[in-house]
Amino acid sequence: MFEATTILGYKTDKLAVIGGDGQVTFGNTVLKNNATKIRTLYNDKVLAGFAGSTADAFNLFDMFEGILENKKGDLLKSVVEFSKEWRKDRYLRRLEAMMIVLNTKHIFILSGTGDVVEPEDGKIAAIGSGGNFALSAARALDKHSNLDPKSLVEESLKIAGDLCIYTNKNIKILTLED
């Protein structure tokens, strides 16, 4: 369904990192290779990234950022409220996008069906067509290397770029310290 990108989020107790590739595709054609699909929200206290339809993702970003403002930056309360709003709205339920949102306390995947998923390990999440490749690489590097979090995200996304035809190696990364 989402043949557009790879987004990877990783958090420790004091640091949150999100990275994404820059490829935008339409069918089997690359439209752009340097798109930015990650951003900071709520006065640079929350990181977010999207995969899926770009127009839908911008709508989701705007909606989520409004909820985050209303909840005074409380990420947990914001994702719960976001899920409620998503399920109530028929238009939103048709949006084809997913998001990862995180800070140093929480990391969540927000799905296209209004689900909120906190990764089992509480620290690594990936979405998009190359998400499983990046997630596998990140788990292995987390367990078997001494890479710093930013390097771990970058290397994992490069591996996804080697394997997924919808993911490139034009990687952008944002970090957030507690």
Protein backbone atom coordinates (compact mmCIF):
# COMPACT_ATOMS: atom_id res chain seq x y z
CA MET A 1 0.00 0.00 0.00
CA PHE A 2 2.71 2.52 0.96
CA GLU A 3 5.33 2.43 -1.75
CA ALA A 4 6.70 5.81 -0.97
CA THR A 5 9.37 5.90 1.66
CA THR A 6 11.04 4.59 4.77
CA ILE A 7 10.83 6.30 8.16
CA LEU A 8 12.67 5.02 11.24
CA GLY A 9 12.31 6.27 14.80
CA TYR A 10 14.64 5.31 17.66
CA LYS A 11 14.69 6.49 21.25
CA THR A 12 16.79 6.12 24.34
CA ASP A 13 16.15 7.56 27.79
CA LYS A 14 17.72 10.87 26.82
CA LEU A 15 17.65 11.02 23.03
CA ALA A 16 15.05 10.63 20.28
CA VAL A 17 16.04 10.27 16.62
CA ILE A 18 13.95 10.08 13.47
CA GLY A 19 15.18 9.61 9.95
CA GLY A 20 13.70 9.22 6.53
CA ASP A 21 14.76 8.84 2.94
CA GLY A 22 13.92 11.38 0.27
CA GLN A 23 12.25 9.35 -2.46
CA VAL A 24 8.77 10.17 -3.73
CA THR A 25 7.34 7.78 -6.29
CA PHE A 26 4.29 7.72 -8.50
CA GLY A 27 3.74 4.18 -9.71
CA ASN A 28 7.10 3.03 -11.01
CA THR A 29 8.49 6.55 -11.52
CA VAL A 30 10.62 8.55 -9.11
CA LEU A 31 9.12 12.05 -8.92
CA LYS A 32 11.57 13.47 -6.41
CA ASN A 33 14.59 12.11 -4.59
CA ASN A 34 15.18 14.75 -1.92
CA ALA A 35 11.79 15.19 -0.21
CA THR A 36 11.62 15.90 3.51
CA LYS A 37 9.20 13.59 5.32
CA ILE A 38 10.25 14.26 8.89
CA ARG A 39 9.78 17.33 11.06
CA THR A 40 9.70 18.67 14.57
CA LEU A 41 6.41 19.58 16.24
CA TYR A 42 5.35 21.47 19.35
CA ASN A 43 8.26 23.85 19.80
CA ASP A 44 10.79 21.21 18.71
CA LYS A 45 9.76 18.83 21.53
CA VAL A 46 8.23 16.07 19.36
CA LEU A 47 9.62 14.39 16.25
CA ALA A 48 7.35 13.09 13.49
CA GLY A 49 7.65 11.39 10.13
CA PHE A 50 5.18 10.10 7.55
CA ALA A 51 4.84 7.47 4.88
CA GLY A 52 2.11 7.26 2.29
CA SER A 53 0.22 9.87 0.35
CA THR A 54 1.93 13.24 0.75
CA ALA A 55 -1.29 15.26 0.69
CA ASP A 56 -2.88 12.95 3.26
CA ALA A 57 0.20 13.12 5.45
CA PHE A 58 0.16 16.92 5.51
CA ASN A 59 -3.48 16.81 6.65
CA LEU A 60 -2.52 14.35 9.40
CA PHE A 61 0.45 16.45 10.49
CA ASP A 62 -1.77 19.53 10.76
CA MET A 63 -4.46 17.69 12.69
CA PHE A 64 -1.98 16.03 15.03
CA GLU A 65 -0.10 19.27 15.65
CA GLY A 66 -3.38 20.97 16.63
CA ILE A 67 -4.15 18.22 19.11
CA LEU A 68 -0.60 18.35 20.46
CA GLU A 69 -1.01 22.10 21.04
CA ASN A 70 -4.32 21.53 22.85
CA LYS A 71 -2.73 18.86 25.05
CA LYS A 72 0.23 21.15 25.83
CA GLY A 73 2.73 18.80 24.22
CA ASP A 74 1.67 15.66 26.13
CA LEU A 75 2.44 13.03 23.50
CA LEU A 76 0.55 10.16 25.16
CA LYS A 77 -2.67 12.16 25.57
CA SER A 78 -2.29 13.55 22.06
CA VAL A 79 -2.03 10.17 20.32
CA VAL A 80 -5.08 8.88 22.20
CA GLU A 81 -7.11 11.97 21.23
CA PHE A 82 -5.82 11.75 17.66
CA SER A 83 -7.03 8.15 17.42
CA LYS A 84 -10.47 9.12 18.70
CA GLU A 85 -10.77 11.96 16.18
CA TRP A 86 -9.55 9.77 13.35
CA ARG A 87 -12.14 7.08 14.05
CA LYS A 88 -15.00 9.61 14.24
CA ASP A 89 -14.23 11.30 10.93
CA ARG A 90 -15.20 9.47 7.72
CA TYR A 91 -12.80 11.56 5.63
CA LEU A 92 -9.83 10.79 7.87
CA ARG A 93 -10.54 7.06 7.76
CA ARG A 94 -9.84 7.18 4.02
CA LEU A 95 -6.45 8.83 4.29
CA GLU A 96 -3.56 6.72 3.07
CA ALA A 97 -0.73 7.64 5.40
CA MET A 98 1.03 6.49 8.53
CA MET A 99 3.07 8.46 11.02
CA ILE A 100 5.71 7.87 13.64
CA VAL A 101 5.72 10.35 16.50
CA LEU A 102 8.21 10.31 19.35
CA ASN A 103 9.99 12.14 22.10
CA THR A 104 12.41 10.83 24.71
CA LYS A 105 9.56 9.29 26.72
CA HIS A 106 7.35 7.67 24.07
CA ILE A 107 7.35 6.38 20.51
CA PHE A 108 4.17 5.57 18.57
CA ILE A 109 3.05 4.47 15.14
CA LEU A 110 -0.21 6.06 14.02
CA SER A 111 -1.81 3.89 11.36
CA GLY A 112 -4.13 4.68 8.49
CA THR A 113 -7.00 3.03 10.36
CA GLY A 114 -6.69 5.20 13.45
CA ASP A 115 -4.67 2.70 15.45
CA VAL A 116 -2.00 3.81 17.89
CA VAL A 117 0.78 1.28 18.34
CA GLU A 118 3.62 1.52 20.80
CA PRO A 119 6.46 -0.78 19.73
CA GLU A 120 6.95 -3.78 21.99
CA ASP A 121 10.53 -2.78 22.81
CA GLY A 122 9.43 0.82 23.36
CA LYS A 123 12.30 2.24 21.37
CA ILE A 124 12.34 1.33 17.65
CA ALA A 125 9.57 1.90 15.07
CA ALA A 126 9.56 1.94 11.28
CA ILE A 127 6.96 2.58 8.58
CA GLY A 128 6.80 2.71 4.81
CA SER A 129 7.75 0.32 2.07
CA GLY A 130 11.26 -0.13 3.43
CA GLY A 131 10.14 -0.09 7.06
CA ASN A 132 10.67 -3.79 7.72
CA PHE A 133 14.20 -3.64 6.30
CA ALA A 134 15.06 -0.60 8.42
CA LEU A 135 13.45 -2.11 11.52
CA SER A 136 15.39 -5.36 11.15
CA ALA A 137 18.65 -3.51 10.63
CA ALA A 138 18.00 -1.21 13.59
CA ARG A 139 17.21 -4.11 15.91
CA ALA A 140 20.38 -5.94 14.88
CA LEU A 141 22.56 -2.84 15.20
CA ASP A 142 20.98 -1.97 18.54
CA LYS A 143 21.76 -5.42 19.87
CA HIS A 144 25.15 -6.07 18.29
CA SER A 145 26.92 -2.74 17.85
CA ASN A 146 27.99 0.31 19.81
CA LEU A 147 26.69 2.86 17.32
CA ASP A 148 25.32 6.11 18.69
CA PRO A 149 21.56 6.54 18.06
CA LYS A 150 21.94 8.92 15.11
CA SER A 151 24.43 6.63 13.36
CA LEU A 152 22.22 3.62 14.07
CA VAL A 153 19.26 5.29 12.34
CA GLU A 154 21.40 6.41 9.41
CA GLU A 155 22.98 2.99 8.85
CA SER A 156 19.63 1.22 9.16
CA LEU A 157 18.09 3.52 6.55
CA LYS A 158 21.05 2.94 4.22
CA ILE A 159 20.46 -0.81 4.49
CA ALA A 160 16.77 -0.28 3.67
CA GLY A 161 17.87 1.85 0.70
CA ASP A 162 19.97 -1.06 -0.56
CA LEU A 163 17.00 -3.44 -0.41
CA CYS A 164 13.80 -1.48 -1.10
CA ILE A 165 13.26 -0.05 -4.58
CA TYR A 166 11.01 2.68 -3.14
CA THR A 167 13.68 3.90 -0.70
CA ASN A 168 16.80 5.87 -1.54
CA LYS A 169 19.88 6.92 0.41
CA ASN A 170 19.12 10.64 0.48
CA ILE A 171 18.63 10.49 4.24
CA LYS A 172 17.54 13.26 6.58
CA ILE A 173 17.76 12.89 10.34
CA LEU A 174 16.41 14.91 13.26
CA THR A 175 17.37 14.49 16.91
CA LEU A 176 15.84 15.58 20.17
CA GLU A 177 17.60 15.57 23.54
CA ASP A 178 15.92 15.50 26.91
